[in-house]
Amino acid sequence: MSLTALTLSHDQADAFDQITTVLKGAGIDLGDNLLMPPQSGKTSVVAVMGKAGSGKTLLLAELVKSLEEAGLAIVSGDYEGKKTKDRRTLAVLAPTNKAASVLRMRGVPATTIHRILYSPVYDPEYEKIAEWLAEKGEKPEIEGLTEEALARAFAFYQLHKSIPGALAAAGLRGSDFITGWKRRDEALDVGFVDEASMLDDKQFDDLKEIFPTLVVFGDPAQLAPVNQSGSMAFDKLPEKSKFKLSRIHRQEADNPILDLAHALADPQMGFEDFERLVEQKAREDDRVVWAQRVEVDLMARSPVLVWRNATRIRLIHAFRRVHGAPEDALLAGEPLICDGIELPLKHRKKRLDLEARGLIKGAQVVYLGPGRKPGFSRLHVLGAEDPQVSAASIVKIELPDEEEPFIPFAARMGAAFLHGSAVTIHKAQGSQWEQVQVFAPDLYAAARMGRVEAGQPLWKRLAYVAITRAQERLLWVVRNRLSKPTAPLRVDDLKVPAAPLTLEEQT
């Protein structure tokens, strides 16, 4: 603990020590950097719980660093090295692409839960490069790849720890080196899961089957999954397996967004009192904005967060209208939300391909343009490690006061999408954006209804989740107005390649 203790607060250090004890029981001694072979039959599941700003991510990062130093190999989801009897591994997971990308930006090699369920099948020739990069073996000689290309791959991997990214840096496309995907049929070793409040019981059970040692990190103040009756999956763990962080970390102490989030814990705080506090913070700090209207320019990359579905649909309709979007087509740059994969069971491989590339339910996507075949779309999956893909698409545009959505175009089957310029607060869990707009009239409606969830007024739980989605700036929108766009929708910030990267169109 000598080096780690210098960077962790008291309760973080306690949790670190307790998890270290759990890992030692699994044959991983962080104190002496000693690893024992995995022991079959031994399982351990613990939870680290704390509100926003309590240091869950810092603790997770320090644990990952210590485990890497002890010799555990990272299972990233894009490549797995050769299995050996004594090899110990660690996988760091998040429920969504966006949540995983937030961890990767902080130097933690995270991937999605879904990606860890499926592993890529590499072309044997190019797998030699992956083995060289990940296992520190001898540099291979690959026909068609120069020393300079291999050097670019090596430099990229040292910086980003991504095998597909490194191979792309060498000039290869995904279709060159990944020939397919297979469902994981063997257990792994140690698993860390961030944003665990999003897990339902089935996902939690699946993870416990895959990882004999599982540590989940969650915020008990967030909204539970809709099918969980207000409870979190980790609530059922015994108290001795729950480690709680309560202290707000020093570097977060002057954050007005977190001040607002934690003010909601006051049982005497009513909605009107809270809005007065938001207005006061906005006068004192420009990281909080008392907004008289929704800023349409922000909606293309960070959706407006709402409670009511009707509000979401009205905002989407207004967004498309002010941008002059036609009824029968999408504009390049329009945001979408993946609503699932609509494929029959006989197309299981295509489903695996799409989901492994990031098109899982809830994924945030930007429409880049039509694909090469009717019904196909070129898409940029926000937060995905290999973000650009072309896929058969079913796009549904919901309209105010209409029961059925309007479908501007659709393939017979493929990935289904809803518009993503506004989303419900429930669906926003697990994601963060630099700037977040919260539609306050919806929360006022929830407060007027007096609904309670898990012993807390629903409006407070909604407000807490919505506010903590903001990394840098919070806009508290108090009026039902929409600004005009200052510029057309854009895609150049997504570094769109000259030629589309295709996935399904090649079949």
Protein backbone atom coordinates (compact mmCIF):
# COMPACT_ATOMS: atom_id res chain seq x y z
CA MET A 1 0.00 0.00 0.00
CA SER A 2 2.96 2.36 0.25
CA LEU A 3 2.65 4.11 -3.12
CA THR A 4 -1.12 3.75 -3.39
CA ALA A 5 -1.72 5.21 0.08
CA LEU A 6 -0.21 8.48 -1.07
CA THR A 7 -2.99 9.02 -3.60
CA LEU A 8 -6.06 7.55 -1.90
CA SER A 9 -8.30 9.05 0.76
CA HIS A 10 -8.91 7.17 4.01
CA ASP A 11 -12.05 5.32 2.92
CA GLN A 12 -10.57 4.58 -0.51
CA ALA A 13 -7.49 3.10 1.18
CA ASP A 14 -9.72 0.96 3.42
CA ALA A 15 -11.61 -0.33 0.38
CA PHE A 16 -8.30 -0.96 -1.42
CA ASP A 17 -7.05 -3.03 1.53
CA GLN A 18 -10.31 -5.01 1.74
CA ILE A 19 -10.25 -5.80 -1.98
CA THR A 20 -6.57 -6.71 -1.68
CA THR A 21 -7.60 -9.28 0.95
CA VAL A 22 -10.28 -10.68 -1.40
CA LEU A 23 -7.70 -10.96 -4.21
CA LYS A 24 -5.20 -12.66 -1.90
CA GLY A 25 -7.83 -15.29 -1.20
CA ALA A 26 -7.99 -15.83 -4.98
CA GLY A 27 -4.22 -16.35 -5.17
CA ILE A 28 -3.21 -12.79 -6.10
CA ASP A 29 -0.89 -11.23 -3.52
CA LEU A 30 -0.51 -7.53 -4.37
CA GLY A 31 1.72 -6.90 -1.37
CA ASP A 32 4.50 -9.16 -2.69
CA ASN A 33 3.43 -9.25 -6.37
CA LEU A 34 2.99 -13.03 -6.13
CA LEU A 35 0.54 -14.95 -8.32
CA MET A 36 -0.76 -18.44 -7.69
CA PRO A 37 -2.48 -20.47 -10.43
CA PRO A 38 -6.27 -19.96 -10.63
CA GLN A 39 -8.17 -22.20 -8.22
CA SER A 40 -11.30 -23.83 -9.58
CA GLY A 41 -14.40 -23.70 -7.41
CA LYS A 42 -13.44 -20.56 -5.46
CA THR A 43 -15.71 -17.56 -6.10
CA SER A 44 -15.89 -14.09 -4.60
CA VAL A 45 -18.16 -11.13 -5.43
CA VAL A 46 -17.82 -7.71 -3.78
CA ALA A 47 -19.22 -4.24 -4.44
CA VAL A 48 -17.65 -0.80 -4.07
CA MET A 49 -20.42 1.75 -3.60
CA GLY A 50 -20.28 5.53 -3.48
CA LYS A 51 -21.93 8.65 -4.84
CA ALA A 52 -20.51 10.82 -7.59
CA GLY A 53 -17.16 12.32 -6.57
CA SER A 54 -16.40 9.72 -3.91
CA GLY A 55 -13.47 8.35 -5.92
CA LYS A 56 -14.78 5.05 -7.30
CA THR A 57 -13.02 5.55 -10.63
CA LEU A 58 -9.73 6.56 -8.99
CA LEU A 59 -9.87 3.45 -6.78
CA LEU A 60 -10.65 1.26 -9.79
CA ALA A 61 -7.73 2.76 -11.73
CA GLU A 62 -5.30 2.22 -8.84
CA LEU A 63 -6.40 -1.40 -8.48
CA VAL A 64 -5.97 -2.00 -12.21
CA LYS A 65 -2.49 -0.48 -12.06
CA SER A 66 -1.52 -2.70 -9.12
CA LEU A 67 -2.86 -5.84 -10.79
CA GLU A 68 -0.96 -5.07 -14.01
CA GLU A 69 2.24 -4.54 -11.99
CA ALA A 70 1.63 -7.89 -10.28
CA GLY A 71 1.61 -9.57 -13.69
CA LEU A 72 -2.07 -9.99 -14.59
CA ALA A 73 -2.73 -9.83 -18.33
CA ILE A 74 -5.51 -7.51 -19.49
CA VAL A 75 -8.33 -9.12 -21.47
CA SER A 76 -9.44 -6.22 -23.64
CA GLY A 77 -12.13 -7.76 -25.80
CA ASP A 78 -10.24 -7.10 -29.03
CA TYR A 79 -7.62 -9.83 -28.61
CA GLU A 80 -6.75 -12.56 -26.12
CA GLY A 81 -3.34 -14.09 -25.86
CA LYS A 82 -2.67 -17.79 -25.66
CA LYS A 83 -4.13 -19.47 -22.59
CA THR A 84 -1.75 -21.15 -20.19
CA LYS A 85 -2.41 -23.04 -16.99
CA ASP A 86 -0.89 -20.45 -14.65
CA ARG A 87 -1.86 -17.27 -16.52
CA ARG A 88 -3.91 -14.78 -14.48
CA THR A 89 -6.08 -12.21 -16.27
CA LEU A 90 -8.13 -9.08 -15.58
CA ALA A 91 -11.03 -7.63 -17.58
CA VAL A 92 -12.36 -4.11 -16.93
CA LEU A 93 -15.94 -3.74 -18.13
CA ALA A 94 -18.71 -1.17 -18.48
CA PRO A 95 -22.32 -1.61 -19.61
CA THR A 96 -22.10 0.83 -22.55
CA ASN A 97 -19.57 1.97 -25.16
CA LYS A 98 -19.68 5.51 -23.77
CA ALA A 99 -19.01 4.40 -20.20
CA ALA A 100 -16.10 2.24 -21.39
CA SER A 101 -14.67 5.15 -23.38
CA VAL A 102 -14.80 7.40 -20.28
CA LEU A 103 -12.59 4.87 -18.48
CA ARG A 104 -10.22 4.53 -21.45
CA MET A 105 -9.77 8.32 -21.53
CA ARG A 106 -8.58 8.01 -17.92
CA GLY A 107 -6.03 5.39 -18.86
CA VAL A 108 -8.05 2.33 -17.80
CA PRO A 109 -8.17 -0.37 -20.54
CA ALA A 110 -11.94 -0.91 -20.45
CA THR A 111 -14.32 -2.60 -22.85
CA THR A 112 -18.06 -3.31 -22.83
CA ILE A 113 -19.66 -6.25 -21.06
CA HIS A 114 -21.04 -7.36 -24.40
CA ARG A 115 -17.63 -7.34 -26.08
CA ILE A 116 -16.21 -9.63 -23.42
CA LEU A 117 -18.97 -12.16 -24.12
CA TYR A 118 -17.76 -12.42 -27.71
CA SER A 119 -14.16 -12.71 -28.87
CA PRO A 120 -12.80 -11.98 -32.35
CA VAL A 121 -11.38 -14.68 -34.59
CA TYR A 122 -8.17 -13.41 -36.21
CA ASP A 123 -6.67 -14.39 -39.53
CA PRO A 124 -3.70 -16.64 -38.52
CA GLU A 125 -1.17 -14.53 -40.45
CA TYR A 126 -2.14 -11.25 -38.79
CA GLU A 127 -2.59 -12.92 -35.40
CA LYS A 128 1.23 -13.12 -35.33
CA ILE A 129 1.29 -9.32 -35.08
CA ALA A 130 -1.24 -9.41 -32.24
CA GLU A 131 0.86 -11.98 -30.38
CA TRP A 132 3.96 -9.86 -30.86
CA LEU A 133 2.23 -6.72 -29.55
CA ALA A 134 0.35 -8.28 -26.64
CA GLU A 135 2.73 -11.01 -25.57
CA LYS A 136 6.04 -9.22 -26.21
CA GLY A 137 7.20 -12.00 -28.54
CA GLU A 138 9.49 -11.73 -31.55
CA LYS A 139 8.59 -9.32 -34.33
CA PRO A 140 7.00 -11.28 -37.19
CA GLU A 141 7.68 -10.94 -40.88
CA ILE A 142 4.40 -10.39 -42.71
CA GLU A 143 4.20 -10.31 -46.49
CA GLY A 144 2.98 -6.91 -47.66
CA LEU A 145 3.81 -5.08 -44.41
CA THR A 146 6.99 -3.04 -44.19
CA GLU A 147 9.16 -2.43 -41.15
CA GLU A 148 7.74 1.10 -41.05
CA ALA A 149 4.18 -0.25 -40.93
CA LEU A 150 5.04 -2.59 -38.06
CA ALA A 151 6.74 0.28 -36.24
CA ARG A 152 3.55 2.36 -36.57
CA ALA A 153 1.54 -0.55 -35.15
CA PHE A 154 3.96 -0.93 -32.23
CA ALA A 155 3.93 2.80 -31.43
CA PHE A 156 0.12 2.91 -31.55
CA TYR A 157 -0.22 -0.11 -29.25
CA GLN A 158 2.21 1.33 -26.70
CA LEU A 159 0.01 4.42 -26.48
CA HIS A 160 -3.53 3.00 -26.76
CA LYS A 161 -3.27 -0.77 -25.99
CA SER A 162 -5.66 -1.58 -28.84
CA ILE A 163 -4.82 -4.43 -31.22
CA PRO A 164 -7.36 -3.40 -33.93
CA GLY A 165 -6.15 0.20 -33.69
CA ALA A 166 -2.53 -0.89 -34.02
CA LEU A 167 -3.30 -3.03 -37.08
CA ALA A 168 -5.25 -0.14 -38.59
CA ALA A 169 -2.20 2.08 -37.99
CA ALA A 170 -0.20 -0.45 -40.01
CA GLY A 171 -2.60 0.09 -42.93
CA LEU A 172 -4.95 -2.88 -42.45
CA ARG A 173 -8.74 -2.86 -42.34
CA GLY A 174 -10.86 -4.84 -39.87
CA SER A 175 -12.03 -7.14 -42.64
CA ASP A 176 -8.39 -8.01 -43.35
CA PHE A 177 -7.56 -9.42 -39.93
CA ILE A 178 -10.86 -10.26 -38.16
CA THR A 179 -12.69 -13.14 -39.84
CA GLY A 180 -15.59 -13.43 -37.38
CA TRP A 181 -16.72 -13.54 -33.76
CA LYS A 182 -17.36 -16.40 -31.34
CA ARG A 183 -19.35 -16.63 -28.13
CA ARG A 184 -17.16 -17.07 -25.06
CA ASP A 185 -17.46 -20.60 -23.75
CA GLU A 186 -14.78 -20.49 -21.03
CA ALA A 187 -14.67 -18.63 -17.73
CA LEU A 188 -12.21 -15.79 -17.24
CA ASP A 189 -10.45 -14.78 -14.02
CA VAL A 190 -10.81 -11.36 -12.34
CA GLY A 191 -13.48 -8.91 -13.50
CA PHE A 192 -14.03 -5.25 -12.59
CA VAL A 193 -17.38 -3.73 -13.63
CA ASP A 194 -18.01 0.03 -13.57
CA GLU A 195 -21.49 1.64 -13.57
CA ALA A 196 -22.87 -1.47 -11.88
CA SER A 197 -26.12 0.31 -10.99
CA MET A 198 -27.15 -0.39 -14.60
CA LEU A 199 -26.91 -4.16 -14.21
CA ASP A 200 -30.08 -6.20 -13.90
CA ASP A 201 -30.15 -9.52 -12.05
CA LYS A 202 -29.66 -11.61 -15.20
CA GLN A 203 -26.58 -9.65 -16.31
CA PHE A 204 -25.19 -9.86 -12.78
CA ASP A 205 -25.70 -13.64 -12.74
CA ASP A 206 -24.02 -13.96 -16.16
CA LEU A 207 -20.99 -12.02 -14.92
CA LYS A 208 -20.73 -14.16 -11.79
CA GLU A 209 -20.60 -17.24 -14.01
CA ILE A 210 -17.80 -15.79 -16.15
CA PHE A 211 -15.64 -14.29 -13.36
CA PRO A 212 -14.74 -16.32 -10.24
CA THR A 213 -13.52 -13.03 -8.73
CA LEU A 214 -15.85 -10.11 -9.48
CA VAL A 215 -15.64 -6.53 -8.16
CA VAL A 216 -18.47 -4.17 -9.14
CA PHE A 217 -18.39 -0.37 -8.75
CA GLY A 218 -21.75 1.39 -8.45
CA ASP A 219 -23.62 4.46 -7.29
CA PRO A 220 -26.56 3.50 -5.03
CA ALA A 221 -28.19 6.92 -5.58
CA GLN A 222 -28.77 6.31 -9.29
CA LEU A 223 -31.92 4.89 -10.87
CA ALA A 224 -32.28 1.12 -10.80
CA PRO A 225 -32.94 -0.74 -14.08
CA VAL A 226 -36.60 -0.51 -15.05
CA ASN A 227 -37.22 -4.22 -14.40
CA GLN A 228 -35.62 -4.23 -10.93
CA SER A 229 -38.42 -2.64 -8.86
CA GLY A 230 -36.13 0.10 -7.58
CA SER A 231 -33.32 -2.16 -6.33
CA MET A 232 -29.77 -2.60 -7.60
CA ALA A 233 -28.39 -6.03 -8.47
CA PHE A 234 -25.63 -5.64 -5.87
CA ASP A 235 -28.12 -4.80 -3.08
CA LYS A 236 -28.54 -8.52 -2.41
CA LEU A 237 -24.88 -9.03 -1.54
CA PRO A 238 -24.12 -9.58 2.16
CA GLU A 239 -23.04 -6.43 4.02
CA LYS A 240 -19.51 -7.78 4.54
CA SER A 241 -19.11 -7.82 0.74
CA LYS A 242 -20.05 -4.14 0.33
CA PHE A 243 -17.39 -1.45 0.67
CA LYS A 244 -18.77 2.07 0.93
CA LEU A 245 -17.03 5.31 -0.05
CA SER A 246 -18.47 8.40 1.58
CA ARG A 247 -15.81 11.09 1.44
CA ILE A 248 -15.88 13.48 -1.51
CA HIS A 249 -12.40 13.44 -3.00
CA ARG A 250 -10.33 16.61 -2.68
CA GLN A 251 -10.12 17.47 -6.36
CA GLU A 252 -13.93 17.31 -6.60
CA ALA A 253 -14.57 19.46 -3.54
CA ASP A 254 -15.07 22.73 -5.46
CA ASN A 255 -17.21 21.27 -8.24
CA PRO A 256 -20.59 23.06 -8.32
CA ILE A 257 -22.20 20.23 -10.31
CA LEU A 258 -21.34 17.73 -7.57
CA ASP A 259 -22.45 20.24 -4.92
CA LEU A 260 -25.89 20.24 -6.54
CA ALA A 261 -25.98 16.45 -6.81
CA HIS A 262 -25.17 15.97 -3.15
CA ALA A 263 -27.59 18.68 -2.03
CA LEU A 264 -30.37 16.35 -3.17
CA ALA A 265 -29.60 14.07 -0.21
CA ASP A 266 -31.09 16.66 2.16
CA PRO A 267 -34.57 15.31 3.06
CA GLN A 268 -35.81 18.88 3.59
CA MET A 269 -34.81 19.96 0.06
CA GLY A 270 -37.93 20.57 -2.05
CA PHE A 271 -37.98 21.16 -5.80
CA GLU A 272 -38.37 24.94 -5.49
CA ASP A 273 -35.52 25.06 -2.95
CA PHE A 274 -33.34 23.07 -5.30
CA GLU A 275 -34.04 25.36 -8.25
CA ARG A 276 -33.09 28.38 -6.14
CA LEU A 277 -29.81 26.60 -5.35
CA VAL A 278 -29.20 25.94 -9.07
CA GLU A 279 -29.84 29.62 -9.82
CA GLN A 280 -27.43 30.65 -7.07
CA LYS A 281 -24.70 28.31 -8.36
CA ALA A 282 -25.20 29.67 -11.87
CA ARG A 283 -24.49 33.21 -10.61
CA GLU A 284 -21.33 32.04 -8.85
CA ASP A 285 -19.82 29.62 -11.38
CA ASP A 286 -20.08 29.41 -15.19
CA ARG A 287 -19.99 25.61 -15.02
CA VAL A 288 -23.68 25.80 -14.10
CA VAL A 289 -26.05 27.64 -16.46
CA TRP A 290 -29.62 28.76 -15.69
CA ALA A 291 -30.83 28.32 -19.26
CA GLN A 292 -33.97 29.91 -20.69
CA ARG A 293 -34.01 27.56 -23.70
CA VAL A 294 -32.61 24.33 -25.08
CA GLU A 295 -29.43 24.94 -27.09
CA VAL A 296 -29.97 23.02 -30.32
CA ASP A 297 -26.26 23.07 -31.27
CA LEU A 298 -25.46 20.81 -28.30
CA MET A 299 -28.14 18.23 -29.13
CA ALA A 300 -26.20 16.66 -32.02
CA ARG A 301 -23.52 15.26 -29.69
CA SER A 302 -25.08 15.32 -26.20
CA PRO A 303 -28.82 14.72 -25.98
CA VAL A 304 -31.23 16.73 -23.87
CA LEU A 305 -32.12 14.67 -20.79
CA VAL A 306 -35.85 14.38 -20.08
CA TRP A 307 -38.20 12.29 -17.94
CA ARG A 308 -41.33 12.06 -20.07
CA ASN A 309 -41.38 10.23 -23.37
CA ALA A 310 -43.72 12.84 -24.86
CA THR A 311 -41.15 15.57 -24.10
CA ARG A 312 -38.43 13.51 -25.77
CA ILE A 313 -40.46 13.12 -28.97
CA ARG A 314 -41.39 16.82 -29.11
CA LEU A 315 -37.74 17.87 -28.74
CA ILE A 316 -36.62 15.42 -31.44
CA HIS A 317 -39.28 16.76 -33.82
CA ALA A 318 -38.22 20.35 -33.08
CA PHE A 319 -34.53 19.48 -33.59
CA ARG A 320 -35.19 17.99 -37.03
CA ARG A 321 -37.49 20.84 -38.02
CA VAL A 322 -35.01 23.66 -37.21
CA HIS A 323 -32.31 21.80 -39.16
CA GLY A 324 -34.59 21.45 -42.17
CA ALA A 325 -34.43 17.65 -42.12
CA PRO A 326 -36.68 16.06 -44.77
CA GLU A 327 -39.37 13.61 -43.65
CA ASP A 328 -38.11 10.84 -45.91
CA ALA A 329 -34.39 10.93 -45.12
CA LEU A 330 -31.76 11.59 -42.47
CA LEU A 331 -29.18 14.35 -42.62
CA ALA A 332 -25.52 13.44 -42.15
CA GLY A 333 -24.70 14.31 -38.55
CA GLU A 334 -28.06 13.38 -37.01
CA PRO A 335 -27.65 11.47 -33.72
CA LEU A 336 -29.28 8.06 -33.27
CA ILE A 337 -29.75 5.58 -30.42
CA CYS A 338 -29.55 1.85 -31.17
CA ASP A 339 -32.83 0.23 -30.14
CA GLY A 340 -31.65 -3.35 -30.64
CA ILE A 341 -30.93 -5.82 -33.44
CA GLU A 342 -33.90 -7.10 -35.44
CA LEU A 343 -32.59 -10.32 -36.96
CA PRO A 344 -33.96 -13.88 -36.92
CA LEU A 345 -32.05 -16.59 -35.05
CA LYS A 346 -30.68 -18.08 -38.27
CA HIS A 347 -28.63 -14.88 -38.73
CA ARG A 348 -26.79 -15.31 -35.42
CA LYS A 349 -23.37 -14.57 -36.94
CA LYS A 350 -24.55 -11.25 -38.37
CA ARG A 351 -26.01 -10.34 -34.99
CA LEU A 352 -22.70 -11.13 -33.28
CA ASP A 353 -20.82 -9.05 -35.84
CA LEU A 354 -23.06 -6.01 -35.30
CA GLU A 355 -23.12 -6.27 -31.53
CA ALA A 356 -19.38 -6.89 -31.27
CA ARG A 357 -18.77 -3.71 -33.26
CA GLY A 358 -20.72 -1.69 -30.68
CA LEU A 359 -24.28 -1.75 -32.02
CA ILE A 360 -25.81 -2.88 -28.75
CA LYS A 361 -29.09 -1.58 -27.35
CA GLY A 362 -28.57 1.96 -26.08
CA ALA A 363 -25.43 2.67 -28.15
CA GLN A 364 -25.12 6.29 -29.27
CA VAL A 365 -24.51 6.64 -32.98
CA VAL A 366 -24.06 9.45 -35.50
CA TYR A 367 -25.47 8.94 -39.00
CA LEU A 368 -22.77 9.56 -41.62
CA GLY A 369 -24.74 8.84 -44.78
CA PRO A 370 -26.27 6.04 -46.85
CA GLY A 371 -24.38 2.79 -47.40
CA ARG A 372 -23.65 1.12 -50.71
CA LYS A 373 -26.85 -0.94 -50.63
CA PRO A 374 -30.45 0.25 -50.13
CA GLY A 375 -31.35 0.30 -46.44
CA PHE A 376 -27.72 0.40 -45.29
CA SER A 377 -26.25 3.27 -43.27
CA ARG A 378 -22.72 4.41 -42.56
CA LEU A 379 -22.51 5.00 -38.82
CA HIS A 380 -20.09 6.29 -36.19
CA VAL A 381 -20.57 4.49 -32.86
CA LEU A 382 -19.64 6.98 -30.14
CA GLY A 383 -17.22 5.56 -27.60
CA ALA A 384 -16.50 2.36 -29.55
CA GLU A 385 -12.85 1.40 -30.04
CA ASP A 386 -13.41 0.78 -33.76
CA PRO A 387 -16.26 3.27 -34.25
CA GLN A 388 -17.11 3.34 -37.96
CA VAL A 389 -19.32 0.68 -39.46
CA SER A 390 -21.85 0.18 -42.23
CA ALA A 391 -24.91 -1.85 -41.36
CA ALA A 392 -28.42 -2.68 -42.45
CA SER A 393 -30.59 -0.17 -40.58
CA ILE A 394 -34.19 0.33 -39.53
CA VAL A 395 -34.59 3.98 -38.54
CA LYS A 396 -37.71 5.00 -36.62
CA ILE A 397 -38.61 8.68 -36.26
CA GLU A 398 -41.28 9.17 -33.61
CA LEU A 399 -43.77 12.00 -34.11
CA PRO A 400 -45.84 13.95 -31.55
CA ASP A 401 -49.35 12.58 -31.00
CA GLU A 402 -48.72 9.63 -33.35
CA GLU A 403 -48.80 6.06 -32.04
CA GLU A 404 -46.63 4.59 -34.81
CA PRO A 405 -43.19 5.98 -35.70
CA PHE A 406 -42.41 7.23 -39.18
CA ILE A 407 -39.77 5.10 -40.93
CA PRO A 408 -37.90 7.16 -43.55
CA PHE A 409 -36.06 4.07 -44.80
CA ALA A 410 -35.38 0.55 -43.65
CA ALA A 411 -33.67 -2.66 -44.55
CA ARG A 412 -35.72 -5.81 -44.15
CA MET A 413 -33.77 -6.59 -41.01
CA GLY A 414 -30.76 -5.22 -39.15
CA ALA A 415 -29.97 -2.68 -36.43
CA ALA A 416 -32.94 -0.59 -35.28
CA PHE A 417 -32.49 3.06 -34.32
CA LEU A 418 -34.43 5.84 -32.62
CA HIS A 419 -33.44 9.48 -32.85
CA GLY A 420 -30.84 10.50 -30.28
CA SER A 421 -31.10 14.29 -29.90
CA ALA A 422 -33.12 13.77 -26.70
CA VAL A 423 -33.16 10.73 -24.41
CA THR A 424 -34.79 9.78 -21.15
CA ILE A 425 -32.74 10.08 -17.99
CA HIS A 426 -33.10 6.33 -17.47
CA LYS A 427 -31.37 5.61 -20.79
CA ALA A 428 -28.66 8.19 -20.11
CA GLN A 429 -27.27 6.17 -17.19
CA GLY A 430 -23.75 4.96 -17.81
CA SER A 431 -22.96 7.85 -20.15
CA GLN A 432 -21.28 11.17 -19.59
CA TRP A 433 -20.87 14.23 -21.77
CA GLU A 434 -18.81 17.38 -21.35
CA GLN A 435 -21.97 19.50 -21.46
CA VAL A 436 -25.41 18.27 -20.41
CA GLN A 437 -28.82 19.93 -20.77
CA VAL A 438 -31.46 18.86 -18.24
CA PHE A 439 -35.07 19.72 -19.08
CA ALA A 440 -36.25 20.98 -15.70
CA PRO A 441 -40.02 21.23 -16.48
CA ASP A 442 -40.10 17.42 -16.65
CA LEU A 443 -38.55 17.11 -13.20
CA TYR A 444 -41.05 19.65 -11.89
CA ALA A 445 -43.84 17.41 -13.24
CA ALA A 446 -42.31 14.41 -11.43
CA ALA A 447 -42.15 16.44 -8.21
CA ARG A 448 -45.81 17.48 -8.53
CA MET A 449 -46.83 13.83 -8.93
CA GLY A 450 -45.19 12.95 -5.61
CA ARG A 451 -43.85 9.60 -6.81
CA VAL A 452 -41.35 7.76 -4.61
CA GLU A 453 -38.77 5.14 -5.69
CA ALA A 454 -36.72 3.11 -3.20
CA GLY A 455 -37.66 5.52 -0.41
CA GLN A 456 -36.59 8.65 -2.32
CA PRO A 457 -38.76 11.16 -4.19
CA LEU A 458 -38.50 10.19 -7.85
CA TRP A 459 -37.66 13.73 -8.97
CA LYS A 460 -34.56 13.70 -6.73
CA ARG A 461 -33.30 10.41 -8.18
CA LEU A 462 -33.94 11.71 -11.70
CA ALA A 463 -32.18 15.00 -10.95
CA TYR A 464 -29.20 13.23 -9.38
CA VAL A 465 -28.66 10.95 -12.38
CA ALA A 466 -29.16 13.78 -14.89
CA ILE A 467 -26.80 16.18 -13.12
CA THR A 468 -24.01 13.63 -12.70
CA ARG A 469 -23.97 12.93 -16.47
CA ALA A 470 -22.23 16.32 -16.88
CA GLN A 471 -18.42 16.27 -16.84
CA GLU A 472 -17.72 19.98 -17.29
CA ARG A 473 -20.89 22.04 -17.66
CA LEU A 474 -24.54 21.71 -16.64
CA LEU A 475 -27.35 23.59 -18.36
CA TRP A 476 -30.56 23.59 -16.28
CA VAL A 477 -33.24 24.42 -18.88
CA VAL A 478 -36.26 26.11 -17.27
CA ARG A 479 -38.40 27.02 -20.29
CA ASN A 480 -39.90 25.06 -23.16
CA ARG A 481 -37.98 26.87 -25.90
CA LEU A 482 -35.44 25.86 -28.53
CA SER A 483 -32.67 28.01 -30.00
CA LYS A 484 -31.91 28.20 -33.70
CA PRO A 485 -28.80 26.36 -34.96
CA THR A 486 -25.72 28.49 -35.57
CA ALA A 487 -24.35 26.06 -38.20
CA PRO A 488 -25.46 22.99 -40.17
CA LEU A 489 -24.99 19.51 -38.74
CA ARG A 490 -21.43 18.25 -39.18
CA VAL A 491 -19.51 14.98 -39.30
CA ASP A 492 -15.98 16.25 -39.97
CA ASP A 493 -15.24 16.19 -36.23
CA LEU A 494 -15.70 12.42 -36.33
CA LYS A 495 -12.84 11.95 -38.82
CA VAL A 496 -14.96 10.22 -41.43
CA PRO A 497 -12.77 8.15 -43.81
CA ALA A 498 -12.91 8.81 -47.51
CA ALA A 499 -14.26 5.30 -48.18
CA PRO A 500 -16.84 3.74 -45.84
CA LEU A 501 -15.81 0.88 -43.64
CA THR A 502 -18.29 -1.89 -44.34
CA LEU A 503 -19.34 -4.80 -42.19
CA GLU A 504 -22.60 -6.30 -43.38
CA GLU A 505 -22.32 -5.13 -46.99
CA GLN A 506 -19.48 -7.56 -47.63
CA THR A 507 -21.77 -10.56 -47.07
